[in-house]
Amino acid sequence: MRPGDRVLLYTDGVTEARTADGQLVGLERFADYVIRASAGGELAPETLRRLIHSLLDSQDSGLRDDATILLSEWQPVR
């Protein structure tokens, strides 16, 4: 890994969550969100916070499955 590289781990409950209109979040939508946030220069903690809120805000009756996300960013100690 190089400084600034990120590792994203998630369970299937994230991509199998449903949007407010009943569609699956899906891998493509999930990946698009993470890529756009990273390309926009968002810090890893902010990207993760927004992503979690986006998933939870789209759920009418709560998640139907576990939804775990871990985003790690490597930064060297100076």
N, C-alpha and C. Protein backbone atom coordinates (compact mmCIF):
# COMPACT_ATOMS: atom_id res chain seq x y z
N MET A 1 0.84 -1.18 0.00
CA MET A 1 0.00 0.00 0.00
C MET A 1 0.88 1.24 0.00
N ARG A 2 0.32 2.29 -0.53
CA ARG A 2 1.00 3.57 -0.55
C ARG A 2 0.21 4.57 0.28
N PRO A 3 0.86 5.62 0.74
CA PRO A 3 0.14 6.63 1.53
C PRO A 3 -1.12 7.11 0.79
N GLY A 4 -2.22 7.14 1.53
CA GLY A 4 -3.49 7.57 0.97
C GLY A 4 -4.35 6.44 0.41
N ASP A 5 -3.77 5.25 0.24
CA ASP A 5 -4.55 4.11 -0.24
C ASP A 5 -5.60 3.72 0.80
N ARG A 6 -6.73 3.25 0.31
CA ARG A 6 -7.83 2.86 1.19
C ARG A 6 -8.23 1.42 0.94
N VAL A 7 -8.69 0.77 1.99
CA VAL A 7 -9.24 -0.58 1.90
C VAL A 7 -10.67 -0.49 2.42
N LEU A 8 -11.61 -1.01 1.65
CA LEU A 8 -13.02 -0.98 2.01
C LEU A 8 -13.52 -2.41 2.15
N LEU A 9 -14.04 -2.74 3.32
CA LEU A 9 -14.64 -4.04 3.58
C LEU A 9 -16.11 -3.81 3.92
N TYR A 10 -16.97 -4.68 3.43
CA TYR A 10 -18.40 -4.53 3.70
C TYR A 10 -19.09 -5.89 3.62
N THR A 11 -20.21 -5.99 4.28
CA THR A 11 -21.01 -7.22 4.22
C THR A 11 -22.08 -7.07 3.14
N ASP A 12 -22.67 -8.18 2.77
CA ASP A 12 -23.68 -8.15 1.71
C ASP A 12 -24.92 -7.36 2.09
N GLY A 13 -25.12 -7.12 3.37
CA GLY A 13 -26.27 -6.32 3.79
C GLY A 13 -26.21 -4.89 3.27
N VAL A 14 -25.02 -4.40 2.95
CA VAL A 14 -24.87 -3.05 2.40
C VAL A 14 -25.40 -3.01 0.97
N THR A 15 -24.95 -3.91 0.14
CA THR A 15 -25.36 -3.90 -1.27
C THR A 15 -26.78 -4.45 -1.45
N GLU A 16 -27.28 -5.20 -0.47
CA GLU A 16 -28.63 -5.73 -0.56
C GLU A 16 -29.67 -4.85 0.14
N ALA A 17 -29.22 -3.71 0.69
CA ALA A 17 -30.17 -2.76 1.28
C ALA A 17 -31.04 -2.20 0.16
N ARG A 18 -32.20 -1.72 0.53
CA ARG A 18 -33.13 -1.17 -0.46
C ARG A 18 -33.20 0.35 -0.34
N THR A 19 -33.36 1.01 -1.47
CA THR A 19 -33.56 2.45 -1.47
C THR A 19 -35.00 2.74 -1.07
N ALA A 20 -35.34 4.01 -0.90
CA ALA A 20 -36.70 4.39 -0.50
C ALA A 20 -37.74 3.90 -1.49
N ASP A 21 -37.39 3.78 -2.77
CA ASP A 21 -38.35 3.31 -3.77
C ASP A 21 -38.29 1.79 -3.99
N GLY A 22 -37.57 1.08 -3.11
CA GLY A 22 -37.58 -0.38 -3.14
C GLY A 22 -36.51 -1.04 -3.98
N GLN A 23 -35.65 -0.27 -4.62
CA GLN A 23 -34.59 -0.85 -5.44
C GLN A 23 -33.41 -1.25 -4.56
N LEU A 24 -32.70 -2.31 -4.98
CA LEU A 24 -31.49 -2.69 -4.28
C LEU A 24 -30.44 -1.60 -4.44
N VAL A 25 -29.68 -1.37 -3.39
CA VAL A 25 -28.56 -0.43 -3.52
C VAL A 25 -27.60 -0.98 -4.57
N GLY A 26 -27.26 -2.24 -4.45
CA GLY A 26 -26.41 -2.89 -5.45
C GLY A 26 -24.96 -2.46 -5.39
N LEU A 27 -24.12 -3.30 -5.94
CA LEU A 27 -22.68 -3.06 -5.94
C LEU A 27 -22.32 -1.83 -6.77
N GLU A 28 -22.96 -1.67 -7.92
CA GLU A 28 -22.62 -0.54 -8.80
C GLU A 28 -22.92 0.80 -8.13
N ARG A 29 -24.08 0.94 -7.54
CA ARG A 29 -24.44 2.19 -6.87
C ARG A 29 -23.54 2.45 -5.66
N PHE A 30 -23.27 1.39 -4.91
CA PHE A 30 -22.39 1.49 -3.75
C PHE A 30 -20.99 1.92 -4.17
N ALA A 31 -20.42 1.26 -5.15
CA ALA A 31 -19.08 1.59 -5.64
C ALA A 31 -19.03 3.00 -6.20
N ASP A 32 -20.06 3.39 -6.94
CA ASP A 32 -20.11 4.74 -7.51
C ASP A 32 -20.06 5.79 -6.41
N TYR A 33 -20.81 5.57 -5.35
CA TYR A 33 -20.82 6.52 -4.24
C TYR A 33 -19.42 6.65 -3.64
N VAL A 34 -18.78 5.54 -3.37
CA VAL A 34 -17.46 5.56 -2.74
C VAL A 34 -16.43 6.20 -3.67
N ILE A 35 -16.48 5.88 -4.94
CA ILE A 35 -15.52 6.44 -5.91
C ILE A 35 -15.70 7.95 -6.03
N ARG A 36 -16.94 8.41 -6.14
CA ARG A 36 -17.18 9.85 -6.25
C ARG A 36 -16.72 10.59 -5.00
N ALA A 37 -16.98 10.03 -3.83
CA ALA A 37 -16.57 10.67 -2.58
C ALA A 37 -15.05 10.76 -2.50
N SER A 38 -14.37 9.70 -2.88
CA SER A 38 -12.91 9.68 -2.83
C SER A 38 -12.31 10.64 -3.86
N ALA A 39 -12.88 10.66 -5.05
CA ALA A 39 -12.38 11.55 -6.10
C ALA A 39 -12.59 13.01 -5.73
N GLY A 40 -13.62 13.28 -4.94
CA GLY A 40 -13.90 14.64 -4.50
C GLY A 40 -13.02 15.09 -3.35
N GLY A 41 -12.12 14.23 -2.89
CA GLY A 41 -11.19 14.60 -1.85
C GLY A 41 -11.72 14.45 -0.44
N GLU A 42 -12.87 13.80 -0.28
CA GLU A 42 -13.42 13.58 1.06
C GLU A 42 -12.48 12.71 1.88
N LEU A 43 -12.32 13.05 3.14
CA LEU A 43 -11.53 12.22 4.04
C LEU A 43 -12.26 10.91 4.30
N ALA A 44 -11.52 9.86 4.59
CA ALA A 44 -12.11 8.54 4.81
C ALA A 44 -13.21 8.54 5.87
N PRO A 45 -13.01 9.18 7.04
CA PRO A 45 -14.09 9.17 8.05
C PRO A 45 -15.37 9.86 7.56
N GLU A 46 -15.22 10.93 6.81
CA GLU A 46 -16.40 11.64 6.29
C GLU A 46 -17.10 10.82 5.23
N THR A 47 -16.34 10.17 4.36
CA THR A 47 -16.93 9.30 3.35
C THR A 47 -17.76 8.21 4.02
N LEU A 48 -17.20 7.59 5.04
CA LEU A 48 -17.89 6.52 5.75
C LEU A 48 -19.13 7.04 6.47
N ARG A 49 -19.02 8.18 7.13
CA ARG A 49 -20.16 8.75 7.84
C ARG A 49 -21.32 9.05 6.89
N ARG A 50 -21.01 9.68 5.77
CA ARG A 50 -22.06 10.01 4.79
C ARG A 50 -22.69 8.76 4.18
N LEU A 51 -21.85 7.77 3.90
CA LEU A 51 -22.35 6.53 3.31
C LEU A 51 -23.31 5.83 4.27
N ILE A 52 -22.94 5.73 5.53
CA ILE A 52 -23.80 5.09 6.52
C ILE A 52 -25.12 5.84 6.66
N HIS A 53 -25.05 7.17 6.74
CA HIS A 53 -26.28 7.97 6.85
C HIS A 53 -27.15 7.81 5.61
N SER A 54 -26.54 7.75 4.45
CA SER A 54 -27.29 7.57 3.21
C SER A 54 -28.04 6.24 3.22
N LEU A 55 -27.37 5.18 3.66
CA LEU A 55 -28.01 3.87 3.73
C LEU A 55 -29.16 3.86 4.73
N LEU A 56 -28.92 4.40 5.92
CA LEU A 56 -29.95 4.40 6.96
C LEU A 56 -31.12 5.30 6.61
N ASP A 57 -30.86 6.45 5.98
CA ASP A 57 -31.93 7.37 5.62
C ASP A 57 -32.85 6.81 4.55
N SER A 58 -32.34 5.87 3.74
CA SER A 58 -33.17 5.32 2.67
C SER A 58 -34.03 4.15 3.13
N GLN A 59 -33.87 3.71 4.38
CA GLN A 59 -34.61 2.56 4.89
C GLN A 59 -35.89 3.00 5.60
N ASP A 60 -37.02 2.49 5.14
CA ASP A 60 -38.30 2.82 5.77
C ASP A 60 -38.46 2.11 7.11
N SER A 61 -38.15 0.83 7.13
CA SER A 61 -38.41 0.04 8.33
C SER A 61 -37.14 -0.58 8.90
N GLY A 62 -36.01 0.02 8.65
CA GLY A 62 -34.76 -0.51 9.17
C GLY A 62 -34.14 -1.50 8.20
N LEU A 63 -32.91 -1.84 8.47
CA LEU A 63 -32.19 -2.78 7.62
C LEU A 63 -32.75 -4.19 7.81
N ARG A 64 -32.75 -4.96 6.75
CA ARG A 64 -33.25 -6.34 6.81
C ARG A 64 -32.14 -7.34 7.07
N ASP A 65 -30.91 -6.88 6.98
CA ASP A 65 -29.74 -7.74 7.14
C ASP A 65 -28.66 -6.90 7.82
N ASP A 66 -27.63 -7.57 8.32
CA ASP A 66 -26.52 -6.80 8.89
C ASP A 66 -25.90 -5.97 7.77
N ALA A 67 -25.43 -4.80 8.11
CA ALA A 67 -24.76 -3.94 7.14
C ALA A 67 -23.54 -3.35 7.82
N THR A 68 -22.42 -3.98 7.58
CA THR A 68 -21.17 -3.57 8.22
C THR A 68 -20.24 -3.01 7.16
N ILE A 69 -19.63 -1.86 7.48
CA ILE A 69 -18.68 -1.23 6.57
C ILE A 69 -17.45 -0.83 7.37
N LEU A 70 -16.30 -1.15 6.83
CA LEU A 70 -15.03 -0.74 7.42
C LEU A 70 -14.20 -0.10 6.33
N LEU A 71 -13.82 1.14 6.53
CA LEU A 71 -12.98 1.86 5.57
C LEU A 71 -11.71 2.27 6.28
N SER A 72 -10.59 1.79 5.77
CA SER A 72 -9.30 2.07 6.39
C SER A 72 -8.43 2.81 5.39
N GLU A 73 -7.75 3.85 5.86
CA GLU A 73 -6.86 4.62 4.99
C GLU A 73 -5.47 4.60 5.62
N TRP A 74 -4.46 4.28 4.82
CA TRP A 74 -3.10 4.23 5.33
C TRP A 74 -2.44 5.59 5.17
N GLN A 75 -1.95 6.10 6.28
CA GLN A 75 -1.19 7.35 6.29
C GLN A 75 0.06 7.10 7.13
N PRO A 76 1.23 7.45 6.58
CA PRO A 76 2.46 7.25 7.35
C PRO A 76 2.54 8.23 8.53
N VAL A 77 3.21 7.80 9.56
CA VAL A 77 3.43 8.65 10.73
C VAL A 77 4.56 9.61 10.39
N ARG A 78 4.35 10.85 10.68
CA ARG A 78 5.40 11.85 10.37
C ARG A 78 6.10 12.29 11.59
